[in-house]
Amino acid sequence: MPDKRFFKPPKHLVEKWPEVFEDLYVDTMPVVYMDKMRINFQDGREWEVDVKTQLTSNPPEAVAEALLEMIDEYKNEIQNLDFDMDVELLKKDIKNKTKNLL
């Protein structure tokens, strides 16, 4: 399992919605709300994974598993992770599910 420090949401997401993102980890977040993930390596390399595109041809579980496996494989070389999420879609889904519960 990769180091937990890689799993905290980036600061820019926490600032957008601290009540939700402050205590979450990437490995517990639904990948369906993720747009892109950027992996910054200690040697200066940067990879960008277009998660949204991956989700068009793969089930969310497979995409999530592939991301976690990649992070685990390169954990000793990764400096940090950053990602973009569709916060508006997440808010909309939470509101809809909350309405349905009430």
C-alpha atoms as a PDB file:
ATOM      1  CA  MET A   1       0.000   0.000   0.000  1.00  0.00           C
ATOM      2  CA  PRO A   2       1.405   3.429  -0.924  1.00  0.00           C
ATOM      3  CA  ASP A   3       2.364   6.009   1.675  1.00  0.00           C
ATOM      4  CA  LYS A   4      -0.765   7.779   3.014  1.00  0.00           C
ATOM      5  CA  ARG A   5       0.791  11.215   2.447  1.00  0.00           C
ATOM      6  CA  PHE A   6       0.078  10.716  -1.255  1.00  0.00           C
ATOM      7  CA  PHE A   7      -3.601  10.260  -0.583  1.00  0.00           C
ATOM      8  CA  LYS A   8      -4.529  13.638   0.904  1.00  0.00           C
ATOM      9  CA  PRO A   9      -6.483  15.823  -1.512  1.00  0.00           C
ATOM     10  CA  PRO A  10      -4.536  18.756  -2.946  1.00  0.00           C
ATOM     11  CA  LYS A  11      -4.840  22.060  -1.130  1.00  0.00           C
ATOM     12  CA  HIS A  12      -6.821  23.687  -3.963  1.00  0.00           C
ATOM     13  CA  LEU A  13      -9.595  21.091  -3.547  1.00  0.00           C
ATOM     14  CA  VAL A  14      -9.664  21.356   0.227  1.00  0.00           C
ATOM     15  CA  GLU A  15     -10.054  25.129  -0.133  1.00  0.00           C
ATOM     16  CA  LYS A  16     -13.025  24.669  -2.523  1.00  0.00           C
ATOM     17  CA  TRP A  17     -14.986  22.477  -0.118  1.00  0.00           C
ATOM     18  CA  PRO A  18     -13.209  21.891   3.194  1.00  0.00           C
ATOM     19  CA  GLU A  19     -16.188  20.180   4.844  1.00  0.00           C
ATOM     20  CA  VAL A  20     -15.872  17.314   2.373  1.00  0.00           C
ATOM     21  CA  PHE A  21     -12.235  17.149   1.289  1.00  0.00           C
ATOM     22  CA  GLU A  22     -10.354  17.992   4.463  1.00  0.00           C
ATOM     23  CA  ASP A  23     -10.702  14.537   6.016  1.00  0.00           C
ATOM     24  CA  LEU A  24     -10.797  12.438   2.839  1.00  0.00           C
ATOM     25  CA  TYR A  25      -8.063  10.437   1.204  1.00  0.00           C
ATOM     26  CA  VAL A  26      -7.723   9.754  -2.526  1.00  0.00           C
ATOM     27  CA  ASP A  27      -8.068   6.011  -1.993  1.00  0.00           C
ATOM     28  CA  THR A  28     -11.536   6.509  -0.484  1.00  0.00           C
ATOM     29  CA  MET A  29     -12.809   9.040  -3.025  1.00  0.00           C
ATOM     30  CA  PRO A  30     -15.022   7.840  -5.886  1.00  0.00           C
ATOM     31  CA  VAL A  31     -12.906   7.968  -9.034  1.00  0.00           C
ATOM     32  CA  VAL A  32     -15.973   8.936 -11.106  1.00  0.00           C
ATOM     33  CA  TYR A  33     -15.557  12.539  -9.889  1.00  0.00           C
ATOM     34  CA  MET A  34     -11.881  12.736 -10.827  1.00  0.00           C
ATOM     35  CA  ASP A  35     -10.925  14.523 -14.057  1.00  0.00           C
ATOM     36  CA  LYS A  36      -7.118  14.347 -14.114  1.00  0.00           C
ATOM     37  CA  MET A  37      -4.306  13.172 -11.894  1.00  0.00           C
ATOM     38  CA  ARG A  38      -0.815  14.637 -12.053  1.00  0.00           C
ATOM     39  CA  ILE A  39       2.077  12.663 -10.653  1.00  0.00           C
ATOM     40  CA  ASN A  40       5.234  14.638  -9.902  1.00  0.00           C
ATOM     41  CA  PHE A  41       8.393  12.589  -9.540  1.00  0.00           C
ATOM     42  CA  GLN A  42      11.475  13.403  -7.507  1.00  0.00           C
ATOM     43  CA  ASP A  43      13.582  13.539 -10.700  1.00  0.00           C
ATOM     44  CA  GLY A  44      11.370  16.271 -12.210  1.00  0.00           C
ATOM     45  CA  ARG A  45       9.201  14.074 -14.451  1.00  0.00           C
ATOM     46  CA  GLU A  46       5.486  14.789 -14.462  1.00  0.00           C
ATOM     47  CA  TRP A  47       2.794  12.442 -15.692  1.00  0.00           C
ATOM     48  CA  GLU A  48      -0.764  13.492 -16.307  1.00  0.00           C
ATOM     49  CA  VAL A  49      -3.430  10.797 -16.314  1.00  0.00           C
ATOM     50  CA  ASP A  50      -6.708  11.745 -17.988  1.00  0.00           C
ATOM     51  CA  VAL A  51      -8.985   9.840 -15.632  1.00  0.00           C
ATOM     52  CA  LYS A  52     -12.162  11.135 -17.247  1.00  0.00           C
ATOM     53  CA  THR A  53     -11.142   9.619 -20.591  1.00  0.00           C
ATOM     54  CA  GLN A  54     -10.190   6.340 -18.918  1.00  0.00           C
ATOM     55  CA  LEU A  55     -13.674   6.168 -17.417  1.00  0.00           C
ATOM     56  CA  THR A  56     -15.298   6.298 -20.867  1.00  0.00           C
ATOM     57  CA  SER A  57     -13.935   2.855 -21.749  1.00  0.00           C
ATOM     58  CA  ASN A  58     -13.320   1.214 -18.356  1.00  0.00           C
ATOM     59  CA  PRO A  59     -15.451   0.627 -15.272  1.00  0.00           C
ATOM     60  CA  PRO A  60     -14.675   2.939 -12.323  1.00  0.00           C
ATOM     61  CA  GLU A  61     -13.410   0.038 -10.206  1.00  0.00           C
ATOM     62  CA  ALA A  62     -10.831  -0.895 -12.856  1.00  0.00           C
ATOM     63  CA  VAL A  63      -9.654   2.720 -13.234  1.00  0.00           C
ATOM     64  CA  ALA A  64      -9.330   3.130  -9.457  1.00  0.00           C
ATOM     65  CA  GLU A  65      -7.411  -0.127  -9.142  1.00  0.00           C
ATOM     66  CA  ALA A  66      -5.035   0.835 -11.976  1.00  0.00           C
ATOM     67  CA  LEU A  67      -4.351   4.234 -10.370  1.00  0.00           C
ATOM     68  CA  LEU A  68      -3.639   2.701  -6.974  1.00  0.00           C
ATOM     69  CA  GLU A  69      -1.377   0.055  -8.519  1.00  0.00           C
ATOM     70  CA  MET A  70       0.546   2.739 -10.420  1.00  0.00           C
ATOM     71  CA  ILE A  71       0.999   4.813  -7.262  1.00  0.00           C
ATOM     72  CA  ASP A  72       2.167   1.743  -5.374  1.00  0.00           C
ATOM     73  CA  GLU A  73       4.607   0.786  -8.135  1.00  0.00           C
ATOM     74  CA  TYR A  74       6.237   4.238  -8.212  1.00  0.00           C
ATOM     75  CA  LYS A  75       5.774   5.218  -4.546  1.00  0.00           C
ATOM     76  CA  ASN A  76       9.518   5.521  -3.893  1.00  0.00           C
ATOM     77  CA  GLU A  77       9.932   7.930  -6.822  1.00  0.00           C
ATOM     78  CA  ILE A  78       6.825  10.103  -6.353  1.00  0.00           C
ATOM     79  CA  GLN A  79       7.236  13.538  -4.862  1.00  0.00           C
ATOM     80  CA  ASN A  80       3.529  14.379  -4.797  1.00  0.00           C
ATOM     81  CA  LEU A  81       0.148  13.839  -6.432  1.00  0.00           C
ATOM     82  CA  ASP A  82      -2.291  16.468  -7.586  1.00  0.00           C
ATOM     83  CA  PHE A  83      -5.662  15.968  -9.174  1.00  0.00           C
ATOM     84  CA  ASP A  84      -8.663  17.830 -10.486  1.00  0.00           C
ATOM     85  CA  MET A  85     -12.159  16.808  -9.568  1.00  0.00           C
ATOM     86  CA  ASP A  86     -15.571  17.725 -10.861  1.00  0.00           C
ATOM     87  CA  VAL A  87     -16.612  19.375  -7.596  1.00  0.00           C
ATOM     88  CA  GLU A  88     -19.881  20.665  -9.040  1.00  0.00           C
ATOM     89  CA  LEU A  89     -20.971  17.164 -10.098  1.00  0.00           C
ATOM     90  CA  LEU A  90     -20.041  15.837  -6.663  1.00  0.00           C
ATOM     91  CA  LYS A  91     -22.073  18.590  -4.968  1.00  0.00           C
ATOM     92  CA  LYS A  92     -25.030  17.922  -7.261  1.00  0.00           C
ATOM     93  CA  ASP A  93     -24.947  14.178  -6.566  1.00  0.00           C
ATOM     94  CA  ILE A  94     -24.686  14.710  -2.820  1.00  0.00           C
ATOM     95  CA  LYS A  95     -27.619  17.130  -2.871  1.00  0.00           C
ATOM     96  CA  ASN A  96     -29.731  14.720  -4.928  1.00  0.00           C
ATOM     97  CA  LYS A  97     -28.942  11.761  -2.681  1.00  0.00           C
ATOM     98  CA  THR A  98     -29.644  13.836   0.421  1.00  0.00           C
ATOM     99  CA  LYS A  99     -33.007  14.931  -1.028  1.00  0.00           C
ATOM    100  CA  ASN A 100     -33.903  11.325  -1.764  1.00  0.00           C
ATOM    101  CA  LEU A 101     -33.110  10.299   1.807  1.00  0.00           C
ATOM    102  CA  LEU A 102     -35.395  12.956   3.230  1.00  0.00           C
END
